[in-house]
Amino acid sequence: MSFWQKVQRGVSSAASEAEKQANIAKLMVEVNGVKGSISKKYEEFGVLTARLVQQNEISHTAFQAPLDEIAGQESHLHELEARIAEMRGQGPGPS
């Protein structure tokens, strides 16, 4: 095999590998999009479940601990927002 044949084979191999990597990258973008969509649906499901539990439409003991944690975080959030509003001289703001 001549030098130029080796170079051509190398270039062809590099082009093939680049195409393969580009296809993998495209698929990874699609995978990340699907994962994001799944996460969003789980979030929507969680919000819906929380509302149904709060409205006594559904119940299960496993729901209580996460809802208590969320309520605690929401309370803490309101406290932080009130402190910020006070520091700005605006008094407590709407929640």
N, C-alpha and C. Protein backbone atom coordinates (compact mmCIF):
# COMPACT_ATOMS: atom_id res chain seq x y z
N MET A 1 0.85 -1.16 0.00
CA MET A 1 0.00 0.00 0.00
C MET A 1 0.90 1.23 0.00
N SER A 2 0.56 2.16 -0.89
CA SER A 2 1.38 3.37 -1.00
C SER A 2 1.06 4.33 0.15
N PHE A 3 1.94 5.30 0.28
CA PHE A 3 1.77 6.32 1.31
C PHE A 3 0.42 7.02 1.16
N TRP A 4 0.05 7.41 -0.08
CA TRP A 4 -1.19 8.13 -0.33
C TRP A 4 -2.42 7.28 -0.06
N GLN A 5 -2.31 6.00 -0.31
CA GLN A 5 -3.42 5.11 0.00
C GLN A 5 -3.63 5.04 1.52
N LYS A 6 -2.52 5.01 2.25
CA LYS A 6 -2.60 5.01 3.72
C LYS A 6 -3.22 6.32 4.22
N VAL A 7 -2.82 7.44 3.61
CA VAL A 7 -3.37 8.73 3.99
C VAL A 7 -4.87 8.77 3.69
N GLN A 8 -5.25 8.31 2.51
CA GLN A 8 -6.67 8.31 2.13
C GLN A 8 -7.48 7.42 3.06
N ARG A 9 -6.93 6.28 3.41
CA ARG A 9 -7.62 5.36 4.32
C ARG A 9 -7.78 6.03 5.70
N GLY A 10 -6.72 6.71 6.14
CA GLY A 10 -6.77 7.41 7.43
C GLY A 10 -7.80 8.52 7.42
N VAL A 11 -7.84 9.29 6.33
CA VAL A 11 -8.81 10.37 6.21
C VAL A 11 -10.23 9.81 6.19
N SER A 12 -10.42 8.74 5.45
CA SER A 12 -11.73 8.10 5.37
C SER A 12 -12.16 7.59 6.74
N SER A 13 -11.23 6.98 7.47
CA SER A 13 -11.52 6.47 8.80
C SER A 13 -11.85 7.62 9.76
N ALA A 14 -11.12 8.71 9.66
CA ALA A 14 -11.36 9.87 10.52
C ALA A 14 -12.73 10.48 10.22
N ALA A 15 -13.08 10.56 8.94
CA ALA A 15 -14.38 11.10 8.55
C ALA A 15 -15.51 10.21 9.07
N SER A 16 -15.33 8.92 8.97
CA SER A 16 -16.32 7.98 9.46
C SER A 16 -16.49 8.11 10.98
N GLU A 17 -15.38 8.24 11.68
CA GLU A 17 -15.43 8.40 13.14
C GLU A 17 -16.09 9.74 13.50
N ALA A 18 -15.81 10.79 12.76
CA ALA A 18 -16.42 12.09 13.02
C ALA A 18 -17.93 12.03 12.81
N GLU A 19 -18.35 11.34 11.77
CA GLU A 19 -19.78 11.19 11.50
C GLU A 19 -20.45 10.39 12.62
N LYS A 20 -19.78 9.34 13.06
CA LYS A 20 -20.30 8.53 14.16
C LYS A 20 -20.45 9.37 15.42
N GLN A 21 -19.44 10.16 15.74
CA GLN A 21 -19.48 11.00 16.94
C GLN A 21 -20.57 12.07 16.82
N ALA A 22 -20.77 12.62 15.63
CA ALA A 22 -21.82 13.61 15.42
C ALA A 22 -23.20 12.97 15.63
N ASN A 23 -23.38 11.75 15.15
CA ASN A 23 -24.64 11.04 15.34
C ASN A 23 -24.88 10.73 16.82
N ILE A 24 -23.82 10.35 17.52
CA ILE A 24 -23.93 10.09 18.96
C ILE A 24 -24.32 11.39 19.68
N ALA A 25 -23.71 12.49 19.30
CA ALA A 25 -24.01 13.78 19.93
C ALA A 25 -25.48 14.15 19.70
N LYS A 26 -25.98 13.94 18.50
CA LYS A 26 -27.38 14.23 18.20
C LYS A 26 -28.30 13.38 19.06
N LEU A 27 -27.97 12.11 19.18
CA LEU A 27 -28.78 11.21 20.01
C LEU A 27 -28.72 11.61 21.48
N MET A 28 -27.56 12.05 21.94
CA MET A 28 -27.43 12.48 23.33
C MET A 28 -28.29 13.72 23.59
N VAL A 29 -28.36 14.63 22.63
CA VAL A 29 -29.23 15.80 22.77
C VAL A 29 -30.67 15.34 22.89
N GLU A 30 -31.06 14.38 22.06
CA GLU A 30 -32.42 13.86 22.11
C GLU A 30 -32.68 13.15 23.44
N VAL A 31 -31.71 12.36 23.91
CA VAL A 31 -31.83 11.67 25.20
C VAL A 31 -32.05 12.69 26.31
N ASN A 32 -31.26 13.75 26.32
CA ASN A 32 -31.40 14.78 27.36
C ASN A 32 -32.75 15.46 27.28
N GLY A 33 -33.26 15.67 26.07
CA GLY A 33 -34.58 16.26 25.91
C GLY A 33 -35.67 15.35 26.46
N VAL A 34 -35.56 14.07 26.19
CA VAL A 34 -36.54 13.11 26.70
C VAL A 34 -36.46 13.03 28.23
N LYS A 35 -35.23 13.02 28.77
CA LYS A 35 -35.07 13.01 30.23
C LYS A 35 -35.70 14.25 30.85
N GLY A 36 -35.51 15.40 30.22
CA GLY A 36 -36.11 16.64 30.71
C GLY A 36 -37.63 16.56 30.69
N SER A 37 -38.16 16.00 29.62
CA SER A 37 -39.61 15.84 29.49
C SER A 37 -40.15 14.91 30.58
N ILE A 38 -39.44 13.83 30.84
CA ILE A 38 -39.84 12.89 31.89
C ILE A 38 -39.81 13.60 33.25
N SER A 39 -38.75 14.34 33.52
CA SER A 39 -38.65 15.05 34.79
C SER A 39 -39.80 16.04 34.96
N LYS A 40 -40.14 16.75 33.88
CA LYS A 40 -41.23 17.70 33.95
C LYS A 40 -42.55 16.99 34.25
N LYS A 41 -42.77 15.85 33.63
CA LYS A 41 -44.00 15.09 33.87
C LYS A 41 -44.05 14.59 35.31
N TYR A 42 -42.92 14.14 35.85
CA TYR A 42 -42.88 13.72 37.25
C TYR A 42 -43.19 14.91 38.17
N GLU A 43 -42.66 16.07 37.84
CA GLU A 43 -42.93 17.26 38.64
C GLU A 43 -44.42 17.59 38.60
N GLU A 44 -45.01 17.57 37.40
CA GLU A 44 -46.44 17.82 37.26
C GLU A 44 -47.24 16.79 38.05
N PHE A 45 -46.82 15.54 37.98
CA PHE A 45 -47.49 14.46 38.70
C PHE A 45 -47.41 14.71 40.20
N GLY A 46 -46.25 15.14 40.67
CA GLY A 46 -46.07 15.42 42.09
C GLY A 46 -46.95 16.56 42.57
N VAL A 47 -47.03 17.62 41.78
CA VAL A 47 -47.88 18.76 42.14
C VAL A 47 -49.34 18.32 42.18
N LEU A 48 -49.76 17.57 41.18
CA LEU A 48 -51.13 17.08 41.14
C LEU A 48 -51.42 16.17 42.33
N THR A 49 -50.50 15.29 42.65
CA THR A 49 -50.68 14.38 43.78
C THR A 49 -50.79 15.17 45.08
N ALA A 50 -49.93 16.17 45.25
CA ALA A 50 -49.97 16.99 46.47
C ALA A 50 -51.32 17.69 46.60
N ARG A 51 -51.82 18.23 45.50
CA ARG A 51 -53.12 18.90 45.55
C ARG A 51 -54.23 17.93 45.93
N LEU A 52 -54.20 16.74 45.34
CA LEU A 52 -55.22 15.74 45.65
C LEU A 52 -55.16 15.30 47.11
N VAL A 53 -53.97 15.17 47.65
CA VAL A 53 -53.82 14.81 49.06
C VAL A 53 -54.36 15.94 49.93
N GLN A 54 -53.99 17.19 49.61
CA GLN A 54 -54.45 18.33 50.40
C GLN A 54 -55.96 18.50 50.34
N GLN A 55 -56.57 18.07 49.26
CA GLN A 55 -58.03 18.16 49.11
C GLN A 55 -58.73 16.90 49.60
N ASN A 56 -57.95 16.01 50.23
CA ASN A 56 -58.48 14.74 50.75
C ASN A 56 -59.13 13.88 49.67
N GLU A 57 -58.65 14.00 48.44
CA GLU A 57 -59.14 13.17 47.34
C GLU A 57 -58.43 11.80 47.32
N ILE A 58 -57.17 11.81 47.75
CA ILE A 58 -56.40 10.57 47.86
C ILE A 58 -55.63 10.63 49.17
N SER A 59 -55.24 9.47 49.66
CA SER A 59 -54.43 9.46 50.88
C SER A 59 -53.54 8.23 50.91
N HIS A 60 -52.42 8.43 51.53
CA HIS A 60 -51.47 7.34 51.78
C HIS A 60 -50.46 7.88 52.77
N THR A 61 -50.05 7.06 53.71
CA THR A 61 -49.13 7.53 54.74
C THR A 61 -47.81 8.01 54.15
N ALA A 62 -47.41 7.47 53.01
CA ALA A 62 -46.13 7.85 52.40
C ALA A 62 -46.15 9.29 51.88
N PHE A 63 -47.33 9.87 51.69
CA PHE A 63 -47.42 11.23 51.18
C PHE A 63 -47.12 12.27 52.24
N GLN A 64 -47.35 11.94 53.52
CA GLN A 64 -47.31 12.95 54.56
C GLN A 64 -45.92 13.57 54.77
N ALA A 65 -44.88 12.76 54.86
CA ALA A 65 -43.54 13.29 55.13
C ALA A 65 -43.08 14.27 54.05
N PRO A 66 -43.19 13.93 52.77
CA PRO A 66 -42.77 14.91 51.76
C PRO A 66 -43.61 16.19 51.79
N LEU A 67 -44.91 16.06 52.05
CA LEU A 67 -45.75 17.25 52.12
C LEU A 67 -45.39 18.12 53.31
N ASP A 68 -45.06 17.49 54.44
CA ASP A 68 -44.61 18.25 55.61
C ASP A 68 -43.32 19.00 55.30
N GLU A 69 -42.40 18.34 54.59
CA GLU A 69 -41.14 18.98 54.22
C GLU A 69 -41.39 20.16 53.29
N ILE A 70 -42.29 19.99 52.34
CA ILE A 70 -42.63 21.08 51.42
C ILE A 70 -43.24 22.24 52.19
N ALA A 71 -44.15 21.94 53.11
CA ALA A 71 -44.78 23.00 53.91
C ALA A 71 -43.73 23.75 54.72
N GLY A 72 -42.78 23.02 55.29
CA GLY A 72 -41.71 23.67 56.04
C GLY A 72 -40.86 24.56 55.16
N GLN A 73 -40.54 24.10 53.97
CA GLN A 73 -39.75 24.90 53.03
C GLN A 73 -40.52 26.14 52.57
N GLU A 74 -41.83 25.98 52.33
CA GLU A 74 -42.65 27.13 51.93
C GLU A 74 -42.70 28.16 53.05
N SER A 75 -42.82 27.69 54.29
CA SER A 75 -42.83 28.60 55.43
C SER A 75 -41.51 29.36 55.52
N HIS A 76 -40.42 28.63 55.36
CA HIS A 76 -39.09 29.25 55.38
C HIS A 76 -38.95 30.27 54.25
N LEU A 77 -39.46 29.93 53.08
CA LEU A 77 -39.42 30.84 51.94
C LEU A 77 -40.16 32.14 52.25
N HIS A 78 -41.34 32.03 52.86
CA HIS A 78 -42.12 33.22 53.20
C HIS A 78 -41.36 34.08 54.21
N GLU A 79 -40.70 33.44 55.18
CA GLU A 79 -39.89 34.18 56.15
C GLU A 79 -38.76 34.94 55.47
N LEU A 80 -38.07 34.28 54.56
CA LEU A 80 -36.97 34.91 53.84
C LEU A 80 -37.47 36.09 53.00
N GLU A 81 -38.58 35.88 52.30
CA GLU A 81 -39.14 36.95 51.49
C GLU A 81 -39.56 38.14 52.35
N ALA A 82 -40.11 37.87 53.53
CA ALA A 82 -40.50 38.95 54.44
C ALA A 82 -39.28 39.71 54.92
N ARG A 83 -38.20 39.00 55.24
CA ARG A 83 -36.97 39.67 55.67
C ARG A 83 -36.41 40.55 54.57
N ILE A 84 -36.45 40.06 53.35
CA ILE A 84 -35.95 40.85 52.21
C ILE A 84 -36.81 42.11 52.05
N ALA A 85 -38.11 41.94 52.14
CA ALA A 85 -39.01 43.08 51.99
C ALA A 85 -38.76 44.11 53.09
N GLU A 86 -38.54 43.64 54.32
CA GLU A 86 -38.25 44.55 55.42
C GLU A 86 -36.94 45.30 55.19
N MET A 87 -35.94 44.58 54.69
CA MET A 87 -34.64 45.20 54.43
C MET A 87 -34.76 46.26 53.34
N ARG A 88 -35.65 46.06 52.42
CA ARG A 88 -35.88 47.02 51.35
C ARG A 88 -36.78 48.16 51.81
N GLY A 89 -37.32 48.02 53.01
CA GLY A 89 -38.18 49.07 53.55
C GLY A 89 -39.58 49.03 53.00
N GLN A 90 -40.01 47.89 52.52
CA GLN A 90 -41.31 47.79 51.91
C GLN A 90 -42.33 47.12 52.83
N GLY A 91 -41.88 46.58 53.94
CA GLY A 91 -42.80 45.81 54.78
C GLY A 91 -43.07 44.48 54.13
N PRO A 92 -43.86 43.65 54.78
CA PRO A 92 -44.17 42.32 54.21
C PRO A 92 -44.87 42.46 52.87
N GLY A 93 -44.45 41.64 51.93
CA GLY A 93 -45.03 41.68 50.60
C GLY A 93 -46.03 40.56 50.40
N PRO A 94 -46.70 40.53 49.24
CA PRO A 94 -47.66 39.46 48.96
C PRO A 94 -46.93 38.13 48.79
N SER A 95 -47.60 37.07 49.11
CA SER A 95 -47.00 35.73 48.99
C SER A 95 -47.28 35.14 47.65
